[in-house]
Amino acid sequence: EAAVSASASATQLDLSGSLNHPDGSSYLGFVGSVRVIADGASASIDSTGHDGDEANPPTLHVNDADSVTILVGAASNFEDPSLRLHGVQGVVQQTLDAAEEKGVEAMLADHITNFSEIA
């Protein structure tokens, strides 16, 4: 059985949850987050009325942007079951913060370098 919850801030949507053991104990926690960065405009995530209602999901709004970057981060405690959900959320936030600080151009350059070696 899985328990899942969603929350949103002005520019980030978070999904978190846990898979439960048949005895009711939580044994795998996971977090996925999407952060929106709009250049030259505003971006927002509207979660009004969502509250888990699949018919009324959170909505992303971007107006008059020159470009939009969508960062996605995800993690679980699969490799370290002692890490609680809050710790998993911290890992995802650190990943998104580092990606935002690094910037799209630097991430693209790293990607090209890493995958050019494979080809």
N, C-alpha and C. Protein backbone atom coordinates (compact mmCIF):
# COMPACT_ATOMS: atom_id res chain seq x y z
N GLU A 1 0.84 -1.17 0.00
CA GLU A 1 0.00 0.00 0.00
C GLU A 1 0.89 1.24 0.00
N ALA A 2 0.46 2.25 -0.73
CA ALA A 2 1.23 3.50 -0.82
C ALA A 2 0.42 4.65 -0.26
N ALA A 3 1.13 5.58 0.37
CA ALA A 3 0.53 6.82 0.83
C ALA A 3 1.26 7.95 0.11
N VAL A 4 0.52 8.84 -0.54
CA VAL A 4 1.12 9.89 -1.34
C VAL A 4 0.46 11.22 -0.98
N SER A 5 1.29 12.29 -0.95
CA SER A 5 0.74 13.63 -0.74
C SER A 5 1.43 14.60 -1.69
N ALA A 6 0.74 15.68 -1.98
CA ALA A 6 1.29 16.71 -2.87
C ALA A 6 1.20 18.06 -2.17
N SER A 7 2.19 18.91 -2.46
CA SER A 7 2.15 20.28 -1.95
C SER A 7 2.78 21.18 -3.01
N ALA A 8 2.46 22.45 -2.93
CA ALA A 8 2.99 23.39 -3.92
C ALA A 8 3.36 24.70 -3.25
N SER A 9 4.41 25.30 -3.78
CA SER A 9 4.76 26.67 -3.40
C SER A 9 4.58 27.50 -4.65
N ALA A 10 5.06 28.72 -4.64
CA ALA A 10 4.87 29.62 -5.79
C ALA A 10 5.48 29.06 -7.07
N THR A 11 6.63 28.38 -6.99
CA THR A 11 7.31 27.89 -8.20
C THR A 11 7.76 26.44 -8.10
N GLN A 12 7.23 25.70 -7.14
CA GLN A 12 7.66 24.31 -7.00
C GLN A 12 6.49 23.43 -6.59
N LEU A 13 6.42 22.27 -7.21
CA LEU A 13 5.41 21.27 -6.88
C LEU A 13 6.14 20.06 -6.33
N ASP A 14 5.71 19.58 -5.17
CA ASP A 14 6.35 18.44 -4.51
C ASP A 14 5.35 17.30 -4.36
N LEU A 15 5.83 16.10 -4.63
CA LEU A 15 5.06 14.89 -4.44
C LEU A 15 5.88 14.00 -3.53
N SER A 16 5.31 13.54 -2.46
CA SER A 16 6.06 12.67 -1.55
C SER A 16 5.15 11.55 -1.07
N GLY A 17 5.79 10.50 -0.61
CA GLY A 17 4.98 9.40 -0.11
C GLY A 17 5.83 8.27 0.40
N SER A 18 5.15 7.21 0.74
CA SER A 18 5.83 6.02 1.23
C SER A 18 5.08 4.78 0.81
N LEU A 19 5.85 3.73 0.65
CA LEU A 19 5.27 2.41 0.42
C LEU A 19 5.29 1.71 1.76
N ASN A 20 4.20 1.08 2.10
CA ASN A 20 4.08 0.47 3.41
C ASN A 20 4.17 -1.04 3.34
N HIS A 21 4.82 -1.60 4.32
CA HIS A 21 4.94 -3.05 4.49
C HIS A 21 3.56 -3.57 4.87
N PRO A 22 3.26 -4.82 4.53
CA PRO A 22 1.95 -5.36 4.92
C PRO A 22 1.64 -5.24 6.41
N ASP A 23 2.69 -5.17 7.27
CA ASP A 23 2.43 -5.02 8.71
C ASP A 23 2.09 -3.57 9.08
N GLY A 24 2.06 -2.67 8.08
CA GLY A 24 1.69 -1.28 8.31
C GLY A 24 2.86 -0.33 8.48
N SER A 25 4.07 -0.85 8.63
CA SER A 25 5.22 0.02 8.79
C SER A 25 5.67 0.57 7.43
N SER A 26 6.15 1.79 7.46
CA SER A 26 6.66 2.43 6.25
C SER A 26 8.06 1.93 6.00
N TYR A 27 8.35 1.49 4.78
CA TYR A 27 9.69 0.99 4.51
C TYR A 27 10.37 1.61 3.30
N LEU A 28 9.68 2.41 2.51
CA LEU A 28 10.33 3.10 1.40
C LEU A 28 9.67 4.46 1.24
N GLY A 29 10.47 5.52 1.42
CA GLY A 29 9.98 6.88 1.23
C GLY A 29 10.51 7.44 -0.08
N PHE A 30 9.71 8.26 -0.74
CA PHE A 30 10.12 8.85 -2.02
C PHE A 30 9.61 10.28 -2.12
N VAL A 31 10.37 11.08 -2.87
CA VAL A 31 10.01 12.47 -3.11
C VAL A 31 10.33 12.81 -4.56
N GLY A 32 9.44 13.52 -5.20
CA GLY A 32 9.69 14.06 -6.53
C GLY A 32 9.25 15.52 -6.54
N SER A 33 10.07 16.38 -7.12
CA SER A 33 9.75 17.81 -7.14
C SER A 33 10.01 18.38 -8.53
N VAL A 34 9.20 19.35 -8.87
CA VAL A 34 9.35 20.09 -10.13
C VAL A 34 9.45 21.56 -9.76
N ARG A 35 10.52 22.21 -10.22
CA ARG A 35 10.72 23.64 -9.97
C ARG A 35 10.72 24.36 -11.30
N VAL A 36 10.03 25.48 -11.37
CA VAL A 36 9.89 26.25 -12.60
C VAL A 36 10.62 27.58 -12.47
N ILE A 37 11.47 27.86 -13.47
CA ILE A 37 12.21 29.12 -13.51
C ILE A 37 11.88 29.80 -14.84
N ALA A 38 11.25 30.96 -14.77
CA ALA A 38 10.86 31.69 -15.99
C ALA A 38 11.73 32.92 -16.13
N ASP A 39 12.39 33.06 -17.27
CA ASP A 39 13.21 34.24 -17.54
C ASP A 39 12.36 35.31 -18.22
N GLY A 40 12.44 36.51 -17.69
CA GLY A 40 11.74 37.63 -18.30
C GLY A 40 10.25 37.64 -18.05
N ALA A 41 9.79 36.86 -17.08
CA ALA A 41 8.35 36.81 -16.83
C ALA A 41 8.10 36.22 -15.45
N SER A 42 6.85 35.90 -15.23
CA SER A 42 6.49 35.28 -13.96
C SER A 42 6.01 33.86 -14.20
N ALA A 43 6.29 33.02 -13.23
CA ALA A 43 5.78 31.65 -13.26
C ALA A 43 5.19 31.37 -11.89
N SER A 44 4.12 30.61 -11.87
CA SER A 44 3.53 30.24 -10.59
C SER A 44 2.84 28.89 -10.73
N ILE A 45 2.72 28.24 -9.60
CA ILE A 45 1.98 26.99 -9.54
C ILE A 45 0.79 27.23 -8.64
N ASP A 46 -0.39 27.01 -9.18
CA ASP A 46 -1.63 27.24 -8.45
C ASP A 46 -2.14 25.90 -7.95
N SER A 47 -2.16 25.74 -6.64
CA SER A 47 -2.68 24.49 -6.08
C SER A 47 -4.00 24.72 -5.36
N THR A 48 -4.62 25.87 -5.61
CA THR A 48 -5.88 26.20 -4.95
C THR A 48 -6.92 25.11 -5.21
N GLY A 49 -7.45 24.60 -4.15
CA GLY A 49 -8.51 23.60 -4.27
C GLY A 49 -8.02 22.22 -4.63
N HIS A 50 -6.72 22.03 -4.83
CA HIS A 50 -6.23 20.72 -5.24
C HIS A 50 -6.50 19.70 -4.15
N ASP A 51 -5.81 19.81 -3.05
CA ASP A 51 -6.02 18.98 -1.87
C ASP A 51 -6.26 17.51 -2.22
N GLY A 52 -5.45 16.98 -3.16
CA GLY A 52 -5.56 15.57 -3.52
C GLY A 52 -6.65 15.24 -4.52
N ASP A 53 -7.35 16.26 -5.01
CA ASP A 53 -8.44 16.04 -5.95
C ASP A 53 -7.88 15.87 -7.36
N GLU A 54 -7.95 14.64 -7.90
CA GLU A 54 -7.41 14.38 -9.24
C GLU A 54 -8.11 15.17 -10.33
N ALA A 55 -9.35 15.56 -10.10
CA ALA A 55 -10.09 16.33 -11.10
C ALA A 55 -9.66 17.79 -11.11
N ASN A 56 -8.93 18.22 -10.09
CA ASN A 56 -8.50 19.61 -9.99
C ASN A 56 -7.01 19.64 -9.63
N PRO A 57 -6.13 19.19 -10.54
CA PRO A 57 -4.70 19.11 -10.23
C PRO A 57 -4.06 20.50 -10.18
N PRO A 58 -2.88 20.60 -9.54
CA PRO A 58 -2.16 21.88 -9.56
C PRO A 58 -1.90 22.32 -11.00
N THR A 59 -1.90 23.63 -11.22
CA THR A 59 -1.75 24.18 -12.56
C THR A 59 -0.53 25.10 -12.61
N LEU A 60 0.28 24.94 -13.63
CA LEU A 60 1.45 25.78 -13.85
C LEU A 60 1.04 26.93 -14.77
N HIS A 61 1.37 28.14 -14.35
CA HIS A 61 1.09 29.34 -15.15
C HIS A 61 2.40 30.04 -15.47
N VAL A 62 2.66 30.30 -16.75
CA VAL A 62 3.81 31.08 -17.18
C VAL A 62 3.30 32.14 -18.15
N ASN A 63 3.65 33.39 -17.88
CA ASN A 63 3.16 34.49 -18.72
C ASN A 63 4.31 35.30 -19.29
N ASP A 64 4.30 35.49 -20.61
CA ASP A 64 5.24 36.36 -21.31
C ASP A 64 6.71 36.04 -21.03
N ALA A 65 7.05 34.78 -20.98
CA ALA A 65 8.44 34.38 -20.68
C ALA A 65 9.28 34.36 -21.94
N ASP A 66 10.55 34.76 -21.78
CA ASP A 66 11.52 34.59 -22.86
C ASP A 66 11.94 33.12 -22.94
N SER A 67 12.05 32.48 -21.78
CA SER A 67 12.35 31.05 -21.71
C SER A 67 11.87 30.52 -20.37
N VAL A 68 11.68 29.22 -20.33
CA VAL A 68 11.26 28.55 -19.10
C VAL A 68 12.15 27.34 -18.89
N THR A 69 12.66 27.20 -17.68
CA THR A 69 13.44 26.03 -17.32
C THR A 69 12.65 25.26 -16.28
N ILE A 70 12.50 23.96 -16.51
CA ILE A 70 11.80 23.10 -15.57
C ILE A 70 12.82 22.11 -15.03
N LEU A 71 13.08 22.20 -13.74
CA LEU A 71 14.02 21.30 -13.08
C LEU A 71 13.21 20.20 -12.38
N VAL A 72 13.68 18.97 -12.51
CA VAL A 72 13.01 17.84 -11.88
C VAL A 72 14.02 17.12 -10.98
N GLY A 73 13.62 16.88 -9.76
CA GLY A 73 14.46 16.15 -8.82
C GLY A 73 13.66 15.04 -8.18
N ALA A 74 14.31 13.92 -7.94
CA ALA A 74 13.62 12.79 -7.30
C ALA A 74 14.63 11.99 -6.49
N ALA A 75 14.16 11.41 -5.39
CA ALA A 75 15.02 10.58 -4.56
C ALA A 75 14.15 9.66 -3.71
N SER A 76 14.78 8.62 -3.20
CA SER A 76 14.11 7.72 -2.25
C SER A 76 15.13 7.31 -1.19
N ASN A 77 14.66 6.59 -0.22
CA ASN A 77 15.56 6.07 0.80
C ASN A 77 15.87 4.59 0.56
N PHE A 78 15.78 4.15 -0.67
CA PHE A 78 16.01 2.75 -1.01
C PHE A 78 17.39 2.28 -0.57
N GLU A 79 18.43 3.09 -0.85
CA GLU A 79 19.79 2.69 -0.49
C GLU A 79 20.11 2.93 0.98
N ASP A 80 19.35 3.79 1.65
CA ASP A 80 19.57 4.07 3.07
C ASP A 80 18.22 4.13 3.78
N PRO A 81 17.67 2.96 4.14
CA PRO A 81 16.34 2.93 4.76
C PRO A 81 16.24 3.71 6.07
N SER A 82 17.39 4.00 6.71
CA SER A 82 17.34 4.77 7.95
C SER A 82 17.02 6.24 7.69
N LEU A 83 17.16 6.69 6.45
CA LEU A 83 16.86 8.08 6.08
C LEU A 83 15.34 8.25 6.04
N ARG A 84 14.83 9.12 6.87
CA ARG A 84 13.39 9.37 6.92
C ARG A 84 12.98 10.27 5.76
N LEU A 85 11.67 10.38 5.56
CA LEU A 85 11.14 11.16 4.44
C LEU A 85 11.65 12.59 4.44
N HIS A 86 11.77 13.20 5.60
CA HIS A 86 12.29 14.57 5.68
C HIS A 86 13.71 14.64 5.11
N GLY A 87 14.53 13.62 5.38
CA GLY A 87 15.89 13.58 4.84
C GLY A 87 15.89 13.43 3.33
N VAL A 88 14.96 12.64 2.81
CA VAL A 88 14.84 12.46 1.36
C VAL A 88 14.42 13.78 0.73
N GLN A 89 13.51 14.51 1.36
CA GLN A 89 13.10 15.82 0.85
C GLN A 89 14.30 16.76 0.81
N GLY A 90 15.15 16.70 1.82
CA GLY A 90 16.34 17.54 1.86
C GLY A 90 17.28 17.25 0.70
N VAL A 91 17.44 15.98 0.36
CA VAL A 91 18.30 15.58 -0.77
C VAL A 91 17.76 16.19 -2.06
N VAL A 92 16.45 16.10 -2.27
CA VAL A 92 15.84 16.65 -3.48
C VAL A 92 16.00 18.16 -3.53
N GLN A 93 15.78 18.85 -2.41
CA GLN A 93 15.92 20.31 -2.38
C GLN A 93 17.35 20.73 -2.68
N GLN A 94 18.32 20.01 -2.11
CA GLN A 94 19.73 20.33 -2.38
C GLN A 94 20.06 20.14 -3.85
N THR A 95 19.52 19.09 -4.45
CA THR A 95 19.75 18.82 -5.87
C THR A 95 19.18 19.94 -6.74
N LEU A 96 17.94 20.34 -6.45
CA LEU A 96 17.31 21.41 -7.23
C LEU A 96 18.01 22.75 -7.01
N ASP A 97 18.41 23.04 -5.77
CA ASP A 97 19.12 24.28 -5.49
C ASP A 97 20.44 24.34 -6.25
N ALA A 98 21.18 23.21 -6.24
CA ALA A 98 22.47 23.16 -6.94
C ALA A 98 22.28 23.32 -8.45
N ALA A 99 21.25 22.69 -9.00
CA ALA A 99 20.98 22.80 -10.43
C ALA A 99 20.61 24.24 -10.80
N GLU A 100 19.77 24.85 -9.99
CA GLU A 100 19.37 26.23 -10.28
C GLU A 100 20.57 27.17 -10.20
N GLU A 101 21.42 26.97 -9.20
CA GLU A 101 22.61 27.81 -9.05
C GLU A 101 23.59 27.60 -10.20
N LYS A 102 23.72 26.36 -10.65
CA LYS A 102 24.66 26.06 -11.74
C LYS A 102 24.21 26.71 -13.05
N GLY A 103 22.93 26.67 -13.33
CA GLY A 103 22.39 27.28 -14.54
C GLY A 103 22.31 26.32 -15.71
N VAL A 104 21.43 26.65 -16.62
CA VAL A 104 21.15 25.79 -17.76
C VAL A 104 22.36 25.62 -18.67
N GLU A 105 23.06 26.70 -18.97
CA GLU A 105 24.19 26.61 -19.90
C GLU A 105 25.27 25.67 -19.37
N ALA A 106 25.60 25.78 -18.09
CA ALA A 106 26.63 24.92 -17.50
C ALA A 106 26.16 23.46 -17.44
N MET A 107 24.88 23.24 -17.12
CA MET A 107 24.36 21.86 -17.11
C MET A 107 24.40 21.26 -18.51
N LEU A 108 24.04 22.04 -19.51
CA LEU A 108 24.08 21.56 -20.89
C LEU A 108 25.50 21.22 -21.31
N ALA A 109 26.44 22.07 -20.97
CA ALA A 109 27.85 21.82 -21.31
C ALA A 109 28.34 20.53 -20.66
N ASP A 110 27.99 20.32 -19.38
CA ASP A 110 28.37 19.09 -18.69
C ASP A 110 27.73 17.87 -19.36
N HIS A 111 26.48 17.99 -19.73
CA HIS A 111 25.76 16.90 -20.39
C HIS A 111 26.45 16.51 -21.71
N ILE A 112 26.76 17.51 -22.51
CA ILE A 112 27.42 17.25 -23.80
C ILE A 112 28.77 16.58 -23.58
N THR A 113 29.54 17.06 -22.62
CA THR A 113 30.84 16.46 -22.31
C THR A 113 30.68 15.02 -21.87
N ASN A 114 29.77 14.77 -20.95
CA ASN A 114 29.58 13.42 -20.40
C ASN A 114 29.13 12.43 -21.46
N PHE A 115 28.21 12.83 -22.32
CA PHE A 115 27.65 11.90 -23.27
C PHE A 115 28.41 11.86 -24.60
N SER A 116 29.27 12.83 -24.85
CA SER A 116 30.12 12.76 -26.04
C SER A 116 31.15 11.65 -25.88
N GLU A 117 31.58 11.40 -24.64
CA GLU A 117 32.53 10.33 -24.37
C GLU A 117 31.93 8.96 -24.68
N ILE A 118 30.63 8.80 -24.53
CA ILE A 118 29.94 7.53 -24.76
C ILE A 118 29.83 7.27 -26.25
N ALA A 119 29.51 8.29 -27.01
CA ALA A 119 29.23 8.14 -28.44
C ALA A 119 30.41 7.84 -29.25
